[in-house]
Amino acid sequence: MARPGLIPGSSVATGLADRSPARCPPGESSAVLQHIPPPEKRTLRERVDTALKLSRELDEHLRQTLIPASRRVRELAQGKSANDRGGDVTGTLRVAVDDDSPQQQDRTVRHAVDALLEADRFAAAKRVRLHEYCRSIRLAVQGELNGEPL
């Protein structure tokens, strides 16, 4: 069962917390981006369009998922709960008013960190694919300027 804010199929038990957030394991990268073909199989126009789409998706993911997840972890590290912040807490992990036990707080922090790591992996996979497309576009344009056919 997927938790809110996570990519379906993720879980702490799979060892996600043990992996470096800067790298996306090959299986996860391909699963996240399998609907996007490699740049070499596309025309230059398709590469540019796909790079623009990836850029927009990465921006949206950073604004709507990664940055809020980062804020959530920072708030929990500073000892603030959803109940202390006030305002709209829709979509955030909540600490029950009647259960502020250390175990519940630990679980809340663990889930928030898991969501942050998963969001970072997703962003890293998008960034890697975007970099591939940008590199491919640069090489194609350089080749065209040097008189080489696309």
N, C-alpha and C. Protein backbone atom coordinates (compact mmCIF):
# COMPACT_ATOMS: atom_id res chain seq x y z
N MET A 1 0.84 -1.18 0.00
CA MET A 1 0.00 0.00 0.00
C MET A 1 0.88 1.24 0.00
N ALA A 2 0.66 2.17 -0.90
CA ALA A 2 1.48 3.37 -1.01
C ALA A 2 1.03 4.41 0.01
N ARG A 3 2.01 5.12 0.56
CA ARG A 3 1.70 6.20 1.48
C ARG A 3 1.63 7.50 0.70
N PRO A 4 0.90 8.50 1.20
CA PRO A 4 0.79 9.78 0.51
C PRO A 4 2.17 10.39 0.31
N GLY A 5 2.42 10.96 -0.88
CA GLY A 5 3.67 11.63 -1.15
C GLY A 5 4.79 10.72 -1.61
N LEU A 6 4.53 9.43 -1.75
CA LEU A 6 5.55 8.50 -2.18
C LEU A 6 5.18 7.87 -3.50
N ILE A 7 6.17 7.44 -4.21
CA ILE A 7 5.94 6.72 -5.44
C ILE A 7 5.39 5.36 -5.07
N PRO A 8 4.32 4.89 -5.74
CA PRO A 8 3.74 3.59 -5.39
C PRO A 8 4.79 2.49 -5.34
N GLY A 9 4.68 1.66 -4.35
CA GLY A 9 5.59 0.53 -4.21
C GLY A 9 6.78 0.81 -3.31
N SER A 10 6.93 2.05 -2.82
CA SER A 10 8.09 2.34 -1.98
C SER A 10 7.78 2.01 -0.52
N SER A 11 8.83 1.72 0.21
CA SER A 11 8.64 1.42 1.62
C SER A 11 9.98 1.50 2.33
N VAL A 12 9.94 1.81 3.61
CA VAL A 12 11.17 1.87 4.39
C VAL A 12 11.83 0.50 4.43
N ALA A 13 11.03 -0.54 4.49
CA ALA A 13 11.55 -1.90 4.63
C ALA A 13 12.39 -2.33 3.44
N THR A 14 12.26 -1.67 2.29
CA THR A 14 13.04 -2.06 1.12
C THR A 14 14.47 -1.53 1.19
N GLY A 15 14.79 -0.75 2.23
CA GLY A 15 16.15 -0.26 2.37
C GLY A 15 16.36 1.08 1.70
N LEU A 16 15.31 1.82 1.42
CA LEU A 16 15.47 3.10 0.75
C LEU A 16 16.34 4.06 1.55
N ALA A 17 16.24 4.01 2.85
CA ALA A 17 17.00 4.93 3.68
C ALA A 17 18.50 4.65 3.61
N ASP A 18 18.89 3.46 3.17
CA ASP A 18 20.30 3.10 3.09
C ASP A 18 20.95 3.56 1.80
N ARG A 19 20.18 3.99 0.84
CA ARG A 19 20.72 4.40 -0.45
C ARG A 19 21.01 5.89 -0.45
N SER A 20 22.00 6.26 -1.24
CA SER A 20 22.34 7.67 -1.35
C SER A 20 21.25 8.40 -2.12
N PRO A 21 20.74 9.53 -1.59
CA PRO A 21 19.69 10.24 -2.30
C PRO A 21 20.18 10.92 -3.56
N ALA A 22 21.49 11.11 -3.71
CA ALA A 22 22.01 11.77 -4.90
C ALA A 22 22.00 10.86 -6.12
N ARG A 23 21.91 9.56 -5.90
CA ARG A 23 21.92 8.61 -7.01
C ARG A 23 20.60 7.88 -7.07
N CYS A 24 20.19 7.60 -8.28
CA CYS A 24 18.97 6.82 -8.45
C CYS A 24 19.39 5.44 -8.94
N PRO A 25 19.09 4.38 -8.20
CA PRO A 25 19.47 3.04 -8.64
C PRO A 25 18.90 2.75 -10.02
N PRO A 26 19.62 1.96 -10.83
CA PRO A 26 19.19 1.71 -12.21
C PRO A 26 17.75 1.24 -12.34
N GLY A 27 17.30 0.36 -11.49
CA GLY A 27 15.93 -0.14 -11.58
C GLY A 27 14.90 0.94 -11.34
N GLU A 28 15.17 1.81 -10.36
CA GLU A 28 14.22 2.88 -10.05
C GLU A 28 14.20 3.92 -11.14
N SER A 29 15.38 4.25 -11.67
CA SER A 29 15.45 5.26 -12.73
C SER A 29 14.68 4.80 -13.95
N SER A 30 14.86 3.56 -14.34
CA SER A 30 14.17 3.08 -15.53
C SER A 30 12.68 2.93 -15.28
N ALA A 31 12.28 2.59 -14.05
CA ALA A 31 10.86 2.46 -13.75
C ALA A 31 10.17 3.82 -13.78
N VAL A 32 10.84 4.83 -13.25
CA VAL A 32 10.27 6.17 -13.22
C VAL A 32 10.17 6.76 -14.62
N LEU A 33 11.14 6.45 -15.47
CA LEU A 33 11.23 7.11 -16.77
C LEU A 33 11.04 6.17 -17.96
N GLN A 34 10.46 5.01 -17.75
CA GLN A 34 10.37 4.04 -18.83
C GLN A 34 9.48 4.53 -19.97
N HIS A 35 8.59 5.48 -19.73
CA HIS A 35 7.73 6.00 -20.79
C HIS A 35 8.46 7.01 -21.67
N ILE A 36 9.70 7.38 -21.30
CA ILE A 36 10.48 8.34 -22.09
C ILE A 36 11.60 7.59 -22.79
N PRO A 37 11.55 7.51 -24.13
CA PRO A 37 12.58 6.77 -24.86
C PRO A 37 13.94 7.47 -24.79
N PRO A 38 15.03 6.74 -25.02
CA PRO A 38 16.35 7.36 -25.04
C PRO A 38 16.43 8.43 -26.13
N PRO A 39 17.22 9.48 -25.93
CA PRO A 39 17.26 10.57 -26.90
C PRO A 39 17.77 10.16 -28.28
N GLU A 40 18.60 9.15 -28.34
CA GLU A 40 19.19 8.75 -29.62
C GLU A 40 18.13 8.25 -30.62
N LYS A 41 16.99 7.82 -30.11
CA LYS A 41 15.94 7.28 -30.98
C LYS A 41 14.94 8.35 -31.42
N ARG A 42 15.25 9.64 -31.18
CA ARG A 42 14.32 10.70 -31.46
C ARG A 42 14.95 11.74 -32.38
N THR A 43 14.10 12.45 -33.08
CA THR A 43 14.58 13.55 -33.93
C THR A 43 15.01 14.70 -33.01
N LEU A 44 15.73 15.66 -33.59
CA LEU A 44 16.18 16.79 -32.80
C LEU A 44 14.99 17.56 -32.23
N ARG A 45 13.96 17.74 -33.02
CA ARG A 45 12.77 18.46 -32.54
C ARG A 45 12.12 17.70 -31.38
N GLU A 46 12.02 16.39 -31.48
CA GLU A 46 11.44 15.59 -30.40
C GLU A 46 12.31 15.66 -29.14
N ARG A 47 13.63 15.72 -29.33
CA ARG A 47 14.53 15.84 -28.19
C ARG A 47 14.30 17.15 -27.45
N VAL A 48 14.19 18.23 -28.22
CA VAL A 48 13.96 19.54 -27.61
C VAL A 48 12.61 19.56 -26.88
N ASP A 49 11.57 19.05 -27.54
CA ASP A 49 10.25 19.00 -26.90
C ASP A 49 10.28 18.18 -25.62
N THR A 50 10.95 17.03 -25.66
CA THR A 50 11.03 16.16 -24.48
C THR A 50 11.84 16.83 -23.37
N ALA A 51 12.93 17.50 -23.74
CA ALA A 51 13.74 18.20 -22.73
C ALA A 51 12.92 19.30 -22.06
N LEU A 52 12.12 20.01 -22.82
CA LEU A 52 11.25 21.03 -22.24
C LEU A 52 10.23 20.41 -21.29
N LYS A 53 9.65 19.29 -21.72
CA LYS A 53 8.67 18.60 -20.89
C LYS A 53 9.32 18.10 -19.58
N LEU A 54 10.51 17.50 -19.69
CA LEU A 54 11.21 17.03 -18.50
C LEU A 54 11.54 18.19 -17.56
N SER A 55 11.93 19.30 -18.12
CA SER A 55 12.26 20.48 -17.32
C SER A 55 11.03 20.97 -16.55
N ARG A 56 9.89 21.03 -17.23
CA ARG A 56 8.65 21.45 -16.56
C ARG A 56 8.25 20.46 -15.47
N GLU A 57 8.37 19.15 -15.77
CA GLU A 57 8.01 18.13 -14.78
C GLU A 57 8.93 18.19 -13.56
N LEU A 58 10.22 18.41 -13.80
CA LEU A 58 11.16 18.51 -12.69
C LEU A 58 10.84 19.74 -11.84
N ASP A 59 10.56 20.86 -12.48
CA ASP A 59 10.20 22.07 -11.75
C ASP A 59 8.95 21.84 -10.91
N GLU A 60 7.94 21.23 -11.51
CA GLU A 60 6.69 20.95 -10.79
C GLU A 60 6.93 20.02 -9.61
N HIS A 61 7.74 19.00 -9.82
CA HIS A 61 8.04 18.04 -8.74
C HIS A 61 8.77 18.74 -7.59
N LEU A 62 9.73 19.59 -7.93
CA LEU A 62 10.47 20.29 -6.88
C LEU A 62 9.55 21.20 -6.07
N ARG A 63 8.68 21.92 -6.77
CA ARG A 63 7.78 22.87 -6.08
C ARG A 63 6.69 22.16 -5.28
N GLN A 64 6.13 21.08 -5.81
CA GLN A 64 4.97 20.47 -5.18
C GLN A 64 5.30 19.30 -4.25
N THR A 65 6.48 18.70 -4.40
CA THR A 65 6.78 17.52 -3.60
C THR A 65 8.07 17.64 -2.81
N LEU A 66 9.19 17.89 -3.48
CA LEU A 66 10.49 17.84 -2.81
C LEU A 66 10.65 18.97 -1.79
N ILE A 67 10.35 20.19 -2.17
CA ILE A 67 10.52 21.31 -1.25
C ILE A 67 9.57 21.18 -0.04
N PRO A 68 8.28 20.87 -0.24
CA PRO A 68 7.42 20.66 0.94
C PRO A 68 7.90 19.51 1.82
N ALA A 69 8.40 18.43 1.23
CA ALA A 69 8.91 17.31 2.03
C ALA A 69 10.13 17.74 2.84
N SER A 70 10.97 18.55 2.24
CA SER A 70 12.15 19.06 2.94
C SER A 70 11.74 19.96 4.11
N ARG A 71 10.76 20.81 3.87
CA ARG A 71 10.26 21.67 4.95
C ARG A 71 9.69 20.83 6.09
N ARG A 72 8.98 19.78 5.73
CA ARG A 72 8.35 18.91 6.73
C ARG A 72 9.40 18.27 7.62
N VAL A 73 10.47 17.77 7.01
CA VAL A 73 11.54 17.14 7.80
C VAL A 73 12.20 18.19 8.69
N ARG A 74 12.44 19.38 8.17
CA ARG A 74 13.05 20.44 8.97
C ARG A 74 12.15 20.79 10.16
N GLU A 75 10.85 20.92 9.92
CA GLU A 75 9.92 21.23 11.02
C GLU A 75 9.93 20.14 12.08
N LEU A 76 9.94 18.89 11.65
CA LEU A 76 9.97 17.79 12.62
C LEU A 76 11.28 17.77 13.39
N ALA A 77 12.38 18.09 12.71
CA ALA A 77 13.69 18.13 13.38
C ALA A 77 13.74 19.24 14.42
N GLN A 78 12.98 20.30 14.18
CA GLN A 78 12.94 21.41 15.13
C GLN A 78 11.91 21.17 16.22
N GLY A 79 11.22 20.02 16.15
CA GLY A 79 10.28 19.66 17.19
C GLY A 79 8.87 20.17 16.98
N LYS A 80 8.56 20.66 15.78
CA LYS A 80 7.21 21.14 15.51
C LYS A 80 6.39 20.00 14.93
N SER A 81 5.16 19.86 15.39
CA SER A 81 4.25 18.87 14.82
C SER A 81 3.26 19.58 13.94
N ALA A 82 2.46 18.84 13.20
CA ALA A 82 1.41 19.42 12.37
C ALA A 82 0.45 20.21 13.24
N ASN A 83 0.27 19.79 14.46
CA ASN A 83 -0.66 20.47 15.37
C ASN A 83 -0.11 21.81 15.84
N ASP A 84 1.23 21.94 15.93
CA ASP A 84 1.85 23.17 16.41
C ASP A 84 1.86 24.26 15.35
N ARG A 85 1.90 23.88 14.08
CA ARG A 85 2.06 24.85 12.99
C ARG A 85 0.80 25.63 12.71
N GLY A 86 -0.35 25.02 12.91
CA GLY A 86 -1.61 25.67 12.55
C GLY A 86 -1.75 25.71 11.05
N GLY A 87 -2.80 26.31 10.56
CA GLY A 87 -3.01 26.43 9.13
C GLY A 87 -3.39 25.11 8.51
N ASP A 88 -3.29 25.04 7.21
CA ASP A 88 -3.71 23.86 6.45
C ASP A 88 -2.63 22.78 6.53
N VAL A 89 -2.99 21.60 6.97
CA VAL A 89 -2.05 20.49 7.05
C VAL A 89 -2.47 19.37 6.12
N THR A 90 -3.26 19.67 5.11
CA THR A 90 -3.73 18.65 4.17
C THR A 90 -2.53 18.03 3.47
N GLY A 91 -2.50 16.72 3.43
CA GLY A 91 -1.43 16.00 2.73
C GLY A 91 -0.18 15.80 3.55
N THR A 92 -0.11 16.31 4.76
CA THR A 92 1.08 16.11 5.57
C THR A 92 0.83 14.98 6.55
N LEU A 93 1.91 14.44 7.05
CA LEU A 93 1.78 13.43 8.09
C LEU A 93 1.43 14.14 9.38
N ARG A 94 0.43 13.67 10.08
CA ARG A 94 -0.02 14.34 11.29
C ARG A 94 0.38 13.56 12.53
N VAL A 95 0.64 14.29 13.58
CA VAL A 95 0.88 13.68 14.88
C VAL A 95 -0.42 13.81 15.65
N ALA A 96 -0.96 12.71 16.09
CA ALA A 96 -2.24 12.74 16.81
C ALA A 96 -2.09 13.55 18.08
N VAL A 97 -3.09 14.36 18.40
CA VAL A 97 -3.06 15.23 19.58
C VAL A 97 -2.92 14.40 20.85
N ASP A 98 -3.58 13.26 20.91
CA ASP A 98 -3.56 12.47 22.13
C ASP A 98 -2.43 11.44 22.14
N ASP A 99 -1.60 11.40 21.12
CA ASP A 99 -0.51 10.41 21.08
C ASP A 99 0.78 11.08 20.62
N ASP A 100 1.43 11.82 21.51
CA ASP A 100 2.72 12.43 21.21
C ASP A 100 3.84 11.61 21.83
N SER A 101 3.67 10.30 21.85
CA SER A 101 4.68 9.43 22.43
C SER A 101 5.95 9.47 21.59
N PRO A 102 7.08 9.18 22.18
CA PRO A 102 8.34 9.17 21.42
C PRO A 102 8.29 8.19 20.24
N GLN A 103 7.63 7.06 20.41
CA GLN A 103 7.54 6.09 19.32
C GLN A 103 6.74 6.67 18.15
N GLN A 104 5.65 7.35 18.44
CA GLN A 104 4.84 7.97 17.39
C GLN A 104 5.63 9.07 16.69
N GLN A 105 6.35 9.86 17.46
CA GLN A 105 7.16 10.92 16.87
C GLN A 105 8.26 10.33 15.99
N ASP A 106 8.88 9.24 16.45
CA ASP A 106 9.91 8.57 15.65
C ASP A 106 9.33 8.06 14.33
N ARG A 107 8.15 7.46 14.40
CA ARG A 107 7.50 6.96 13.17
C ARG A 107 7.19 8.11 12.22
N THR A 108 6.73 9.22 12.77
CA THR A 108 6.40 10.38 11.96
C THR A 108 7.64 10.92 11.26
N VAL A 109 8.73 11.02 11.99
CA VAL A 109 9.98 11.50 11.41
C VAL A 109 10.47 10.50 10.36
N ARG A 110 10.41 9.23 10.66
CA ARG A 110 10.86 8.20 9.73
C ARG A 110 10.07 8.26 8.42
N HIS A 111 8.76 8.42 8.51
CA HIS A 111 7.93 8.50 7.31
C HIS A 111 8.21 9.78 6.52
N ALA A 112 8.43 10.88 7.22
CA ALA A 112 8.73 12.14 6.55
C ALA A 112 10.07 12.06 5.82
N VAL A 113 11.06 11.45 6.46
CA VAL A 113 12.38 11.30 5.83
C VAL A 113 12.28 10.35 4.64
N ASP A 114 11.51 9.28 4.78
CA ASP A 114 11.31 8.35 3.68
C ASP A 114 10.67 9.07 2.48
N ALA A 115 9.68 9.90 2.74
CA ALA A 115 9.03 10.66 1.66
C ALA A 115 10.02 11.61 1.01
N LEU A 116 10.87 12.24 1.81
CA LEU A 116 11.87 13.15 1.26
C LEU A 116 12.88 12.41 0.40
N LEU A 117 13.36 11.27 0.88
CA LEU A 117 14.32 10.49 0.09
C LEU A 117 13.72 10.00 -1.21
N GLU A 118 12.47 9.57 -1.16
CA GLU A 118 11.80 9.09 -2.37
C GLU A 118 11.61 10.24 -3.36
N ALA A 119 11.24 11.40 -2.86
CA ALA A 119 11.08 12.58 -3.73
C ALA A 119 12.42 12.96 -4.35
N ASP A 120 13.49 12.84 -3.57
CA ASP A 120 14.82 13.16 -4.09
C ASP A 120 15.24 12.16 -5.16
N ARG A 121 14.95 10.88 -4.97
CA ARG A 121 15.28 9.87 -5.98
C ARG A 121 14.54 10.15 -7.29
N PHE A 122 13.27 10.48 -7.17
CA PHE A 122 12.48 10.79 -8.35
C PHE A 122 13.06 12.01 -9.07
N ALA A 123 13.41 13.05 -8.32
CA ALA A 123 14.01 14.25 -8.91
C ALA A 123 15.35 13.92 -9.56
N ALA A 124 16.14 13.07 -8.91
CA ALA A 124 17.43 12.69 -9.47
C ALA A 124 17.26 11.94 -10.79
N ALA A 125 16.27 11.05 -10.86
CA ALA A 125 16.02 10.31 -12.10
C ALA A 125 15.60 11.26 -13.22
N LYS A 126 14.73 12.20 -12.91
CA LYS A 126 14.31 13.19 -13.92
C LYS A 126 15.50 14.04 -14.36
N ARG A 127 16.33 14.45 -13.40
CA ARG A 127 17.48 15.29 -13.72
C ARG A 127 18.47 14.55 -14.61
N VAL A 128 18.70 13.29 -14.32
CA VAL A 128 19.62 12.49 -15.14
C VAL A 128 19.10 12.37 -16.56
N ARG A 129 17.81 12.08 -16.71
CA ARG A 129 17.24 11.96 -18.06
C ARG A 129 17.27 13.30 -18.80
N LEU A 130 16.97 14.38 -18.08
CA LEU A 130 17.04 15.71 -18.68
C LEU A 130 18.46 16.02 -19.13
N HIS A 131 19.43 15.66 -18.32
CA HIS A 131 20.84 15.87 -18.69
C HIS A 131 21.19 15.07 -19.95
N GLU A 132 20.71 13.85 -20.04
CA GLU A 132 20.95 13.03 -21.25
C GLU A 132 20.40 13.73 -22.49
N TYR A 133 19.18 14.23 -22.38
CA TYR A 133 18.56 14.92 -23.52
C TYR A 133 19.31 16.19 -23.88
N CYS A 134 19.68 16.99 -22.88
CA CYS A 134 20.41 18.24 -23.15
C CYS A 134 21.77 17.95 -23.79
N ARG A 135 22.45 16.94 -23.30
CA ARG A 135 23.74 16.55 -23.89
C ARG A 135 23.55 16.10 -25.33
N SER A 136 22.53 15.31 -25.57
CA SER A 136 22.25 14.83 -26.92
C SER A 136 21.93 15.99 -27.86
N ILE A 137 21.16 16.95 -27.38
CA ILE A 137 20.83 18.12 -28.19
C ILE A 137 22.10 18.92 -28.51
N ARG A 138 22.93 19.13 -27.49
CA ARG A 138 24.18 19.89 -27.69
C ARG A 138 25.07 19.21 -28.72
N LEU A 139 25.23 17.91 -28.61
CA LEU A 139 26.08 17.17 -29.55
C LEU A 139 25.50 17.22 -30.97
N ALA A 140 24.19 17.10 -31.09
CA ALA A 140 23.56 17.15 -32.42
C ALA A 140 23.73 18.52 -33.06
N VAL A 141 23.57 19.57 -32.28
CA VAL A 141 23.73 20.93 -32.81
C VAL A 141 25.19 21.19 -33.16
N GLN A 142 26.11 20.77 -32.31
CA GLN A 142 27.54 20.93 -32.63
C GLN A 142 27.90 20.17 -33.91
N GLY A 143 27.37 18.97 -34.04
CA GLY A 143 27.63 18.19 -35.25
C GLY A 143 27.08 18.88 -36.47
N GLU A 144 25.89 19.43 -36.39
CA GLU A 144 25.28 20.13 -37.52
C GLU A 144 26.09 21.37 -37.88
N LEU A 145 26.57 22.09 -36.87
CA LEU A 145 27.38 23.29 -37.13
C LEU A 145 28.73 22.94 -37.75
N ASN A 146 29.24 21.76 -37.46
CA ASN A 146 30.51 21.30 -38.03
C ASN A 146 30.33 20.62 -39.37
N GLY A 147 29.10 20.60 -39.88
CA GLY A 147 28.83 20.02 -41.19
C GLY A 147 28.53 18.53 -41.17
N GLU A 148 28.38 17.96 -40.00
CA GLU A 148 28.04 16.54 -39.91
C GLU A 148 26.53 16.37 -39.98
N PRO A 149 26.06 15.35 -40.66
CA PRO A 149 24.60 15.14 -40.72
C PRO A 149 24.06 14.69 -39.37
N LEU A 150 22.79 15.01 -39.11
CA LEU A 150 22.13 14.56 -37.89
C LEU A 150 21.88 13.10 -38.04
